Amino acid sequence: MHDSPLAAWDNFYVIIGSSAAALIGLQFVVIALLAETKWRTSTKEVDAFATPTIIHFAAALLVSSILNAPWPSLSSTSVTLGLCGCAGVGYVGVVVRRQRRTINYKPVLEDWIWHATLPLIAYTLLVAASLALVRHPMVSLFVVGGAALLLLFIGIHNAWDTVTFITLEQLQGRDGNAPSNRPSS
């Protein structure tokens, strides 16, 4: 396995995987903060905005684990990455459906970009890279690395969006202003 093109990526995926795992824990803190706000929310908003953030962090962690596993061949890695990418593409469809059904919040353009378009791109890149991995490992591994990094950045953006939303809602609640229509990522 030492001659495998995957070996050169070990440190990269340790960093991505560790970051994703730590950020999953922080997202649980964000959800706990949301529970303490006076903002009206339903499970529909949580399912549409908070759950996908955890899923994208988990997908980055999964991709990192897949690329660090001692696979007997690149074809095994390829199949596993392809399944992960296909599951992600399907999940984006679920997220879009959930966003359309939210009750207390209607998604804005930023939500569609960060919760639908960019994740779809990341998961599609995983599928494409998995299909080319055996024949073009160097390029494919860069595409997989880019997709994993994109998933991590999507999660970071969406978690930050949630924190700023909660903070603004709390400040507006104290001032007696009406709540804004910002996303609950």
Protein backbone atom coordinates (compact mmCIF):
# COMPACT_ATOMS: atom_id res chain seq x y z
CA MET A 1 0.00 0.00 0.00
CA HIS A 2 3.02 2.27 0.45
CA ASP A 3 3.26 2.78 -3.34
CA SER A 4 -0.42 3.70 -3.50
CA PRO A 5 -1.24 7.23 -4.64
CA LEU A 6 -3.44 7.45 -1.54
CA ALA A 7 -0.41 7.43 0.77
CA ALA A 8 0.58 10.95 -0.27
CA TRP A 9 -2.80 12.22 0.92
CA ASP A 10 -2.68 10.82 4.48
CA ASN A 11 -1.94 14.11 6.26
CA PHE A 12 -4.47 16.05 4.18
CA TYR A 13 -7.26 13.67 5.14
CA VAL A 14 -6.22 13.51 8.77
CA ILE A 15 -6.60 17.30 8.86
CA ILE A 16 -9.94 17.29 7.00
CA GLY A 17 -11.34 14.40 9.06
CA SER A 18 -10.22 15.83 12.39
CA SER A 19 -11.63 19.23 11.52
CA ALA A 20 -14.95 17.74 10.44
CA ALA A 21 -15.21 15.68 13.63
CA ALA A 22 -14.47 18.69 15.84
CA LEU A 23 -16.96 20.85 13.96
CA ILE A 24 -19.67 18.21 14.35
CA GLY A 25 -19.26 18.63 18.10
CA LEU A 26 -19.46 22.40 17.82
CA GLN A 27 -22.64 22.12 15.75
CA PHE A 28 -24.26 20.30 18.66
CA VAL A 29 -23.43 23.35 20.79
CA VAL A 30 -25.07 25.57 18.16
CA ILE A 31 -28.22 23.46 18.29
CA ALA A 32 -28.24 23.71 22.07
CA LEU A 33 -28.02 27.50 21.75
CA LEU A 34 -30.91 27.49 19.30
CA ALA A 35 -33.00 25.60 21.84
CA GLU A 36 -32.47 28.43 24.34
CA THR A 37 -33.66 31.18 22.02
CA LYS A 38 -37.17 32.51 21.81
CA TRP A 39 -37.19 32.07 18.06
CA ARG A 40 -40.05 29.93 16.87
CA THR A 41 -38.76 26.92 15.04
CA SER A 42 -40.08 23.58 14.01
CA THR A 43 -38.47 20.28 13.19
CA LYS A 44 -38.96 21.27 9.55
CA GLU A 45 -36.43 24.10 9.91
CA VAL A 46 -34.00 21.90 11.81
CA ASP A 47 -34.35 19.16 9.17
CA ALA A 48 -33.87 21.66 6.34
CA PHE A 49 -30.97 23.67 7.74
CA ALA A 50 -29.23 22.18 10.80
CA THR A 51 -29.25 18.49 9.91
CA PRO A 52 -27.59 19.02 6.50
CA THR A 53 -24.72 20.83 8.22
CA ILE A 54 -24.06 17.74 10.34
CA ILE A 55 -24.40 15.50 7.28
CA HIS A 56 -21.85 17.54 5.27
CA PHE A 57 -19.37 17.48 8.15
CA ALA A 58 -19.98 13.73 8.49
CA ALA A 59 -19.49 13.26 4.74
CA ALA A 60 -16.13 15.08 4.92
CA LEU A 61 -15.19 12.80 7.82
CA LEU A 62 -16.36 9.72 5.87
CA VAL A 63 -14.40 10.70 2.75
CA SER A 64 -11.33 11.24 4.93
CA SER A 65 -11.79 7.81 6.48
CA ILE A 66 -12.29 6.18 3.09
CA LEU A 67 -9.09 7.73 1.75
CA ASN A 68 -7.12 6.68 4.84
CA ALA A 69 -8.35 3.08 4.88
CA PRO A 70 -5.90 0.38 3.75
CA TRP A 71 -7.79 -0.59 0.58
CA PRO A 72 -6.45 -3.55 -1.41
CA SER A 73 -6.96 -1.61 -4.66
CA LEU A 74 -8.06 1.73 -6.04
CA SER A 75 -11.15 0.09 -7.48
CA SER A 76 -12.42 -0.66 -3.95
CA THR A 77 -11.81 2.96 -2.99
CA SER A 78 -13.54 4.08 -6.17
CA VAL A 79 -16.70 2.10 -5.49
CA THR A 80 -16.92 3.33 -1.90
CA LEU A 81 -16.40 6.98 -2.88
CA GLY A 82 -18.97 6.59 -5.64
CA LEU A 83 -21.55 5.26 -3.20
CA CYS A 84 -20.81 8.14 -0.81
CA GLY A 85 -21.20 10.66 -3.63
CA CYS A 86 -24.45 9.10 -4.88
CA ALA A 87 -25.89 9.12 -1.36
CA GLY A 88 -24.92 12.79 -1.05
CA VAL A 89 -26.58 13.71 -4.36
CA GLY A 90 -29.75 11.96 -3.19
CA TYR A 91 -29.60 13.73 0.17
CA VAL A 92 -29.38 17.14 -1.52
CA GLY A 93 -32.72 16.31 -3.16
CA VAL A 94 -34.16 15.60 0.29
CA VAL A 95 -32.78 18.92 1.61
CA VAL A 96 -34.33 20.88 -1.26
CA ARG A 97 -37.70 19.26 -0.58
CA ARG A 98 -37.38 20.04 3.14
CA GLN A 99 -36.42 23.66 2.49
CA ARG A 100 -39.51 24.14 0.36
CA ARG A 101 -41.69 22.84 3.21
CA THR A 102 -40.38 25.01 6.04
CA ILE A 103 -43.03 26.78 8.09
CA ASN A 104 -41.41 29.63 10.03
CA TYR A 105 -38.70 30.55 7.54
CA LYS A 106 -38.59 30.81 3.76
CA PRO A 107 -35.17 30.21 2.20
CA VAL A 108 -33.36 33.06 0.45
CA LEU A 109 -30.82 32.86 -2.40
CA GLU A 110 -27.91 32.35 0.01
CA ASP A 111 -29.69 29.32 1.47
CA TRP A 112 -30.18 27.76 -1.96
CA ILE A 113 -26.52 28.30 -2.79
CA TRP A 114 -25.07 26.95 0.48
CA HIS A 115 -27.63 24.23 1.23
CA ALA A 116 -28.38 22.95 -2.26
CA THR A 117 -26.11 24.12 -5.08
CA LEU A 118 -22.68 23.82 -3.43
CA PRO A 119 -23.42 20.47 -1.74
CA LEU A 120 -24.73 19.13 -5.07
CA ILE A 121 -21.48 20.22 -6.72
CA ALA A 122 -19.38 18.58 -3.97
CA TYR A 123 -21.22 15.26 -4.09
CA THR A 124 -21.28 15.25 -7.91
CA LEU A 125 -17.52 15.82 -7.89
CA LEU A 126 -17.16 12.77 -5.63
CA VAL A 127 -19.13 10.65 -8.08
CA ALA A 128 -17.14 11.93 -11.07
CA ALA A 129 -13.81 11.41 -9.31
CA SER A 130 -14.81 7.90 -8.26
CA LEU A 131 -15.54 7.00 -11.88
CA ALA A 132 -12.09 8.21 -13.00
CA LEU A 133 -10.04 7.15 -9.97
CA VAL A 134 -8.60 3.91 -11.32
CA ARG A 135 -7.56 5.34 -14.69
CA HIS A 136 -6.61 8.86 -13.58
CA PRO A 137 -5.69 8.65 -9.88
CA MET A 138 -3.69 11.89 -9.63
CA VAL A 139 -6.41 14.18 -11.01
CA SER A 140 -9.20 12.23 -9.27
CA LEU A 141 -7.55 12.52 -5.88
CA PHE A 142 -7.32 16.29 -6.27
CA VAL A 143 -11.01 16.39 -7.19
CA VAL A 144 -11.91 14.27 -4.15
CA GLY A 145 -9.76 16.52 -1.96
CA GLY A 146 -11.52 19.59 -3.35
CA ALA A 147 -14.94 18.02 -2.75
CA ALA A 148 -14.06 17.11 0.85
CA LEU A 149 -12.74 20.62 1.48
CA LEU A 150 -15.87 22.12 -0.09
CA LEU A 151 -18.07 20.02 2.22
CA LEU A 152 -16.06 21.24 5.19
CA PHE A 153 -16.40 24.89 4.11
CA ILE A 154 -20.13 24.45 3.47
CA GLY A 155 -20.54 23.16 7.01
CA ILE A 156 -18.45 26.01 8.43
CA HIS A 157 -20.49 28.61 6.54
CA ASN A 158 -23.81 27.09 7.55
CA ALA A 159 -22.83 26.73 11.21
CA TRP A 160 -21.61 30.35 11.26
CA ASP A 161 -24.83 31.46 9.60
CA THR A 162 -26.77 29.74 12.37
CA VAL A 163 -24.72 31.37 15.12
CA THR A 164 -25.10 34.84 13.62
CA PHE A 165 -28.81 34.25 13.09
CA ILE A 166 -29.29 33.20 16.72
CA THR A 167 -27.28 36.19 17.94
CA LEU A 168 -29.23 38.66 15.81
CA GLU A 169 -32.54 37.14 16.88
CA GLN A 170 -31.56 37.46 20.54
CA LEU A 171 -30.51 41.08 20.08
CA GLN A 172 -33.69 41.93 18.18
CA GLY A 173 -35.78 40.20 20.82
CA ARG A 174 -34.25 42.38 23.55
CA ASP A 175 -34.83 45.53 21.49
CA GLY A 176 -38.40 44.54 20.64
CA ASN A 177 -37.72 44.52 16.91
CA ALA A 178 -39.41 42.00 14.65
CA PRO A 179 -37.35 38.94 13.78
CA SER A 180 -35.51 38.98 10.48
CA ASN A 181 -35.88 36.40 7.76
CA ARG A 182 -32.36 34.99 8.08
CA PRO A 183 -31.62 31.31 7.74
CA SER A 184 -31.38 28.89 10.58
CA SER A 185 -28.54 26.88 9.04
